[in-house]
Amino acid sequence: MITMIPASEIIIRLFLGAVIGGIIGFEREVHGRAAGFRTQLIVCVAAVLIMIVSENYYHYLHNLDDSLRIDPARISAGALIGIGFLGAGVIIKSGFAVRGLTTAASIWIVSAIGLAIGGGLYLEAILTALITILALMVLRGLEKKINTLRFKNIVISSSAGENVEAQVLAIFAKKGFHVHSVDYEKKRDSGQLTWHFTVSVRDKSAIREIFHNLSSMDAISSVKVFG
């Protein structure tokens, strides 16, 4: 006869899930992320409980009728899919910037850690938690030092004529900007021209410099930098 998980073991698993989920969630909370301390803790404990239910349900049915063939991983697999939708809810796209990917990934891995704890795989769960905390806290500083390529949208308006475009492109080239595309807009009543530039650059300070350079041009009536 296959015994079900003892109550003491269930308490240990749920408590450990709460501790690990809380630690990872605390890091997210400190950095002002949407899915913080409480969310990560609840996700991890929920994953632990789902795995416990899966195991106990399998044991219960097996003892009821050993001819039944039940896969205890089905419930946990469905839980991971559901938590994936929860993670998608914290991802926000604004222009070229996509925010929330790390938080979504942390929700997903917290649920996986919870499932491991719920399955009694303590070593695997703790090692994964340590790697996750290392990635979130220690590697954050390293990531900031990487000179990444920054994409921006720059919108320029002028009534001085199309020669403004050549001047702007020359400034872009001088500052090391790469122009990916240019869109045009013209108002027939006023004759005002508007250029929508999609550019990229690695030097963060160059974005501020290009804004001041373009703003100082008399031929340009308005400048907008976003992305």
Protein backbone atom coordinates (compact mmCIF):
# COMPACT_ATOMS: atom_id res chain seq x y z
CA MET A 1 0.00 0.00 0.00
CA ILE A 2 1.38 3.40 -1.04
CA THR A 3 1.16 5.92 1.80
CA MET A 4 0.18 9.53 1.30
CA ILE A 5 2.43 12.43 2.24
CA PRO A 6 2.56 12.87 6.05
CA ALA A 7 1.18 16.09 7.55
CA SER A 8 4.59 17.06 8.96
CA GLU A 9 6.14 16.76 5.49
CA ILE A 10 3.35 18.87 3.98
CA ILE A 11 3.97 21.62 6.55
CA ILE A 12 7.71 21.61 5.82
CA ARG A 13 7.13 21.85 2.07
CA LEU A 14 4.59 24.68 2.34
CA PHE A 15 6.77 26.62 4.79
CA LEU A 16 9.90 26.21 2.65
CA GLY A 17 7.94 27.35 -0.41
CA ALA A 18 6.77 30.44 1.47
CA VAL A 19 10.33 31.28 2.56
CA ILE A 20 11.92 30.87 -0.88
CA GLY A 21 9.06 32.61 -2.70
CA GLY A 22 9.20 35.44 -0.16
CA ILE A 23 12.95 35.93 -0.57
CA ILE A 24 12.73 36.16 -4.37
CA GLY A 25 9.61 38.33 -4.11
CA PHE A 26 11.35 40.67 -1.67
CA GLU A 27 14.04 41.39 -4.26
CA ARG A 28 11.35 42.24 -6.82
CA GLU A 29 9.50 44.39 -4.26
CA VAL A 30 12.63 46.39 -3.42
CA HIS A 31 13.04 47.28 -7.09
CA GLY A 32 9.41 48.41 -7.39
CA ARG A 33 8.16 45.59 -9.61
CA ALA A 34 4.47 44.76 -9.95
CA ALA A 35 4.83 41.14 -8.86
CA GLY A 36 6.59 41.64 -5.54
CA PHE A 37 6.82 40.02 -2.12
CA ARG A 38 3.26 38.80 -1.65
CA THR A 39 2.72 37.77 -5.27
CA GLN A 40 5.85 35.64 -5.51
CA LEU A 41 5.22 34.08 -2.10
CA ILE A 42 1.66 33.13 -3.03
CA VAL A 43 2.74 31.74 -6.43
CA CYS A 44 5.40 29.56 -4.83
CA VAL A 45 3.12 28.25 -2.08
CA ALA A 46 0.39 27.60 -4.66
CA ALA A 47 2.81 25.58 -6.78
CA VAL A 48 3.87 23.57 -3.71
CA LEU A 49 0.25 22.85 -2.87
CA ILE A 50 -0.54 21.85 -6.46
CA MET A 51 2.29 19.32 -6.43
CA ILE A 52 1.23 17.97 -3.03
CA VAL A 53 -2.33 17.58 -4.30
CA SER A 54 -1.00 15.80 -7.41
CA GLU A 55 1.01 13.32 -5.36
CA ASN A 56 -1.69 12.65 -2.79
CA TYR A 57 -4.35 12.32 -5.48
CA TYR A 58 -2.17 9.74 -7.25
CA HIS A 59 -1.60 7.81 -4.01
CA TYR A 60 -5.29 7.95 -3.13
CA LEU A 61 -6.43 6.60 -6.49
CA HIS A 62 -3.70 3.96 -6.54
CA ASN A 63 -4.78 2.66 -3.14
CA LEU A 64 -8.43 2.81 -4.22
CA ASP A 65 -7.76 0.73 -7.34
CA ASP A 66 -4.19 -0.17 -8.31
CA SER A 67 -5.32 -0.88 -11.86
CA LEU A 68 -5.84 2.87 -12.44
CA ARG A 69 -3.04 4.58 -14.31
CA ILE A 70 -2.91 8.25 -13.34
CA ASP A 71 -0.11 10.63 -14.29
CA PRO A 72 0.57 12.87 -11.23
CA ALA A 73 2.42 15.40 -13.40
CA ARG A 74 -0.69 16.46 -15.34
CA ILE A 75 -2.01 18.83 -12.70
CA SER A 76 1.39 20.48 -12.21
CA ALA A 77 1.85 20.82 -15.99
CA GLY A 78 -1.48 22.63 -16.22
CA ALA A 79 -0.44 24.89 -13.35
CA LEU A 80 2.72 25.98 -15.18
CA ILE A 81 0.64 26.97 -18.20
CA GLY A 82 -1.70 29.01 -16.00
CA ILE A 83 1.19 30.74 -14.26
CA GLY A 84 2.59 31.59 -17.69
CA PHE A 85 -0.50 33.72 -18.31
CA LEU A 86 0.06 35.41 -14.94
CA GLY A 87 3.61 36.25 -15.97
CA ALA A 88 2.42 37.66 -19.29
CA GLY A 89 0.27 40.13 -17.37
CA VAL A 90 3.32 41.95 -15.95
CA ILE A 91 5.02 42.47 -19.33
CA ILE A 92 4.58 46.01 -20.65
CA LYS A 93 5.74 47.25 -24.07
CA SER A 94 6.27 50.97 -24.56
CA GLY A 95 7.89 51.94 -27.85
CA PHE A 96 11.08 49.91 -28.14
CA ALA A 97 11.23 49.29 -24.40
CA VAL A 98 9.83 46.04 -23.02
CA ARG A 99 9.49 45.96 -19.23
CA GLY A 100 8.53 43.16 -16.90
CA LEU A 101 10.31 40.27 -18.64
CA THR A 102 12.54 39.55 -15.65
CA THR A 103 9.57 39.70 -13.27
CA ALA A 104 7.60 37.35 -15.54
CA ALA A 105 10.56 34.97 -15.65
CA SER A 106 10.87 35.13 -11.86
CA ILE A 107 7.18 34.22 -11.46
CA TRP A 108 7.67 31.25 -13.76
CA ILE A 109 10.80 29.96 -12.02
CA VAL A 110 9.25 30.53 -8.57
CA SER A 111 6.40 28.27 -9.62
CA ALA A 112 8.89 25.66 -10.83
CA ILE A 113 10.73 25.88 -7.50
CA GLY A 114 7.41 25.42 -5.73
CA LEU A 115 6.65 22.32 -7.76
CA ALA A 116 10.08 20.92 -6.91
CA ILE A 117 9.50 21.54 -3.21
CA GLY A 118 6.03 20.05 -3.47
CA GLY A 119 7.60 16.96 -5.01
CA GLY A 120 10.14 16.67 -2.19
CA LEU A 121 13.11 17.70 -4.34
CA TYR A 122 14.60 20.02 -1.71
CA LEU A 123 18.18 20.11 -3.01
CA GLU A 124 17.07 20.95 -6.54
CA ALA A 125 14.67 23.62 -5.29
CA ILE A 126 17.20 25.30 -2.98
CA LEU A 127 19.97 25.32 -5.61
CA THR A 128 17.59 26.77 -8.19
CA ALA A 129 16.49 29.42 -5.69
CA LEU A 130 20.13 30.38 -5.00
CA ILE A 131 20.85 30.67 -8.73
CA THR A 132 17.71 32.79 -9.18
CA ILE A 133 18.65 35.14 -6.33
CA LEU A 134 22.18 35.41 -7.75
CA ALA A 135 20.80 36.31 -11.18
CA LEU A 136 18.39 38.91 -9.79
CA MET A 137 20.70 40.62 -7.30
CA VAL A 138 24.35 40.09 -8.26
CA LEU A 139 24.07 40.05 -12.04
CA ARG A 140 21.99 43.27 -12.01
CA GLY A 141 25.16 45.33 -11.58
CA LEU A 142 26.94 43.48 -14.36
CA GLU A 143 23.99 43.98 -16.70
CA LYS A 144 24.12 47.75 -16.16
CA LYS A 145 27.75 47.82 -17.27
CA ILE A 146 26.97 46.22 -20.63
CA ASN A 147 26.98 48.85 -23.38
CA THR A 148 23.69 47.86 -25.01
CA LEU A 149 22.23 49.23 -28.22
CA ARG A 150 19.48 51.76 -27.47
CA PHE A 151 16.62 52.38 -29.90
CA LYS A 152 14.80 55.71 -30.00
CA ASN A 153 12.09 57.47 -31.98
CA ILE A 154 12.90 61.09 -32.81
CA VAL A 155 10.17 63.33 -34.22
CA ILE A 156 11.22 66.67 -35.74
CA SER A 157 8.97 69.40 -37.15
CA SER A 158 10.06 72.29 -39.34
CA SER A 159 8.69 74.80 -41.84
CA ALA A 160 12.07 75.64 -43.33
CA GLY A 161 12.02 73.11 -46.15
CA GLU A 162 13.38 69.67 -46.94
CA ASN A 163 17.05 70.74 -46.55
CA VAL A 164 16.53 70.35 -42.82
CA GLU A 165 16.60 66.58 -43.26
CA ALA A 166 20.13 66.65 -44.63
CA GLN A 167 21.31 68.76 -41.68
CA VAL A 168 19.67 66.41 -39.18
CA LEU A 169 21.16 63.31 -40.83
CA ALA A 170 24.59 64.93 -40.68
CA ILE A 171 24.18 65.49 -36.94
CA PHE A 172 23.07 61.88 -36.49
CA ALA A 173 26.15 60.63 -38.33
CA LYS A 174 28.45 62.88 -36.30
CA LYS A 175 27.06 61.60 -32.99
CA GLY A 176 27.26 57.94 -34.03
CA PHE A 177 23.53 57.35 -34.56
CA HIS A 178 22.36 54.72 -37.02
CA VAL A 179 19.15 55.66 -38.84
CA HIS A 180 16.94 52.62 -39.43
CA SER A 181 13.97 54.32 -41.07
CA VAL A 182 12.44 57.72 -41.83
CA ASP A 183 8.72 58.50 -42.12
CA TYR A 184 7.35 61.77 -43.45
CA GLU A 185 4.34 63.92 -42.66
CA LYS A 186 3.27 67.27 -44.17
CA LYS A 187 0.45 69.64 -43.25
CA ARG A 188 -1.00 71.14 -46.42
CA ASP A 189 -2.43 74.25 -44.76
CA SER A 190 0.77 75.37 -43.02
CA GLY A 191 3.35 73.50 -45.10
CA GLN A 192 4.98 72.17 -41.95
CA LEU A 193 7.07 69.04 -42.45
CA THR A 194 7.47 66.35 -39.78
CA TRP A 195 10.10 63.60 -39.84
CA HIS A 196 9.81 60.43 -37.77
CA PHE A 197 13.29 58.93 -37.38
CA THR A 198 13.94 55.49 -35.93
CA VAL A 199 17.53 55.48 -34.70
CA SER A 200 19.88 53.47 -32.51
CA VAL A 201 23.02 54.33 -30.56
CA ARG A 202 25.18 52.71 -27.85
CA ASP A 203 26.29 55.86 -26.05
CA LYS A 204 23.55 56.83 -23.59
CA SER A 205 24.82 60.40 -23.23
CA ALA A 206 24.57 60.89 -27.00
CA ILE A 207 20.76 60.80 -26.75
CA ARG A 208 20.73 63.86 -24.51
CA GLU A 209 23.31 65.62 -26.67
CA ILE A 210 21.36 65.01 -29.87
CA PHE A 211 18.23 66.43 -28.25
CA HIS A 212 20.03 69.66 -27.27
CA ASN A 213 21.71 69.95 -30.68
CA LEU A 214 18.44 69.59 -32.56
CA SER A 215 16.60 71.92 -30.15
CA SER A 216 19.17 74.66 -30.77
CA MET A 217 18.56 74.66 -34.55
CA ASP A 218 16.50 77.68 -35.62
CA ALA A 219 14.99 75.78 -38.55
CA ILE A 220 13.41 73.19 -36.24
CA SER A 221 10.20 74.19 -34.46
CA SER A 222 9.79 71.09 -32.25
CA VAL A 223 11.77 68.01 -31.21
CA LYS A 224 10.50 64.89 -29.45
CA VAL A 225 12.64 61.94 -28.36
CA PHE A 226 11.00 58.81 -27.01
CA GLY A 227 11.18 55.04 -27.11
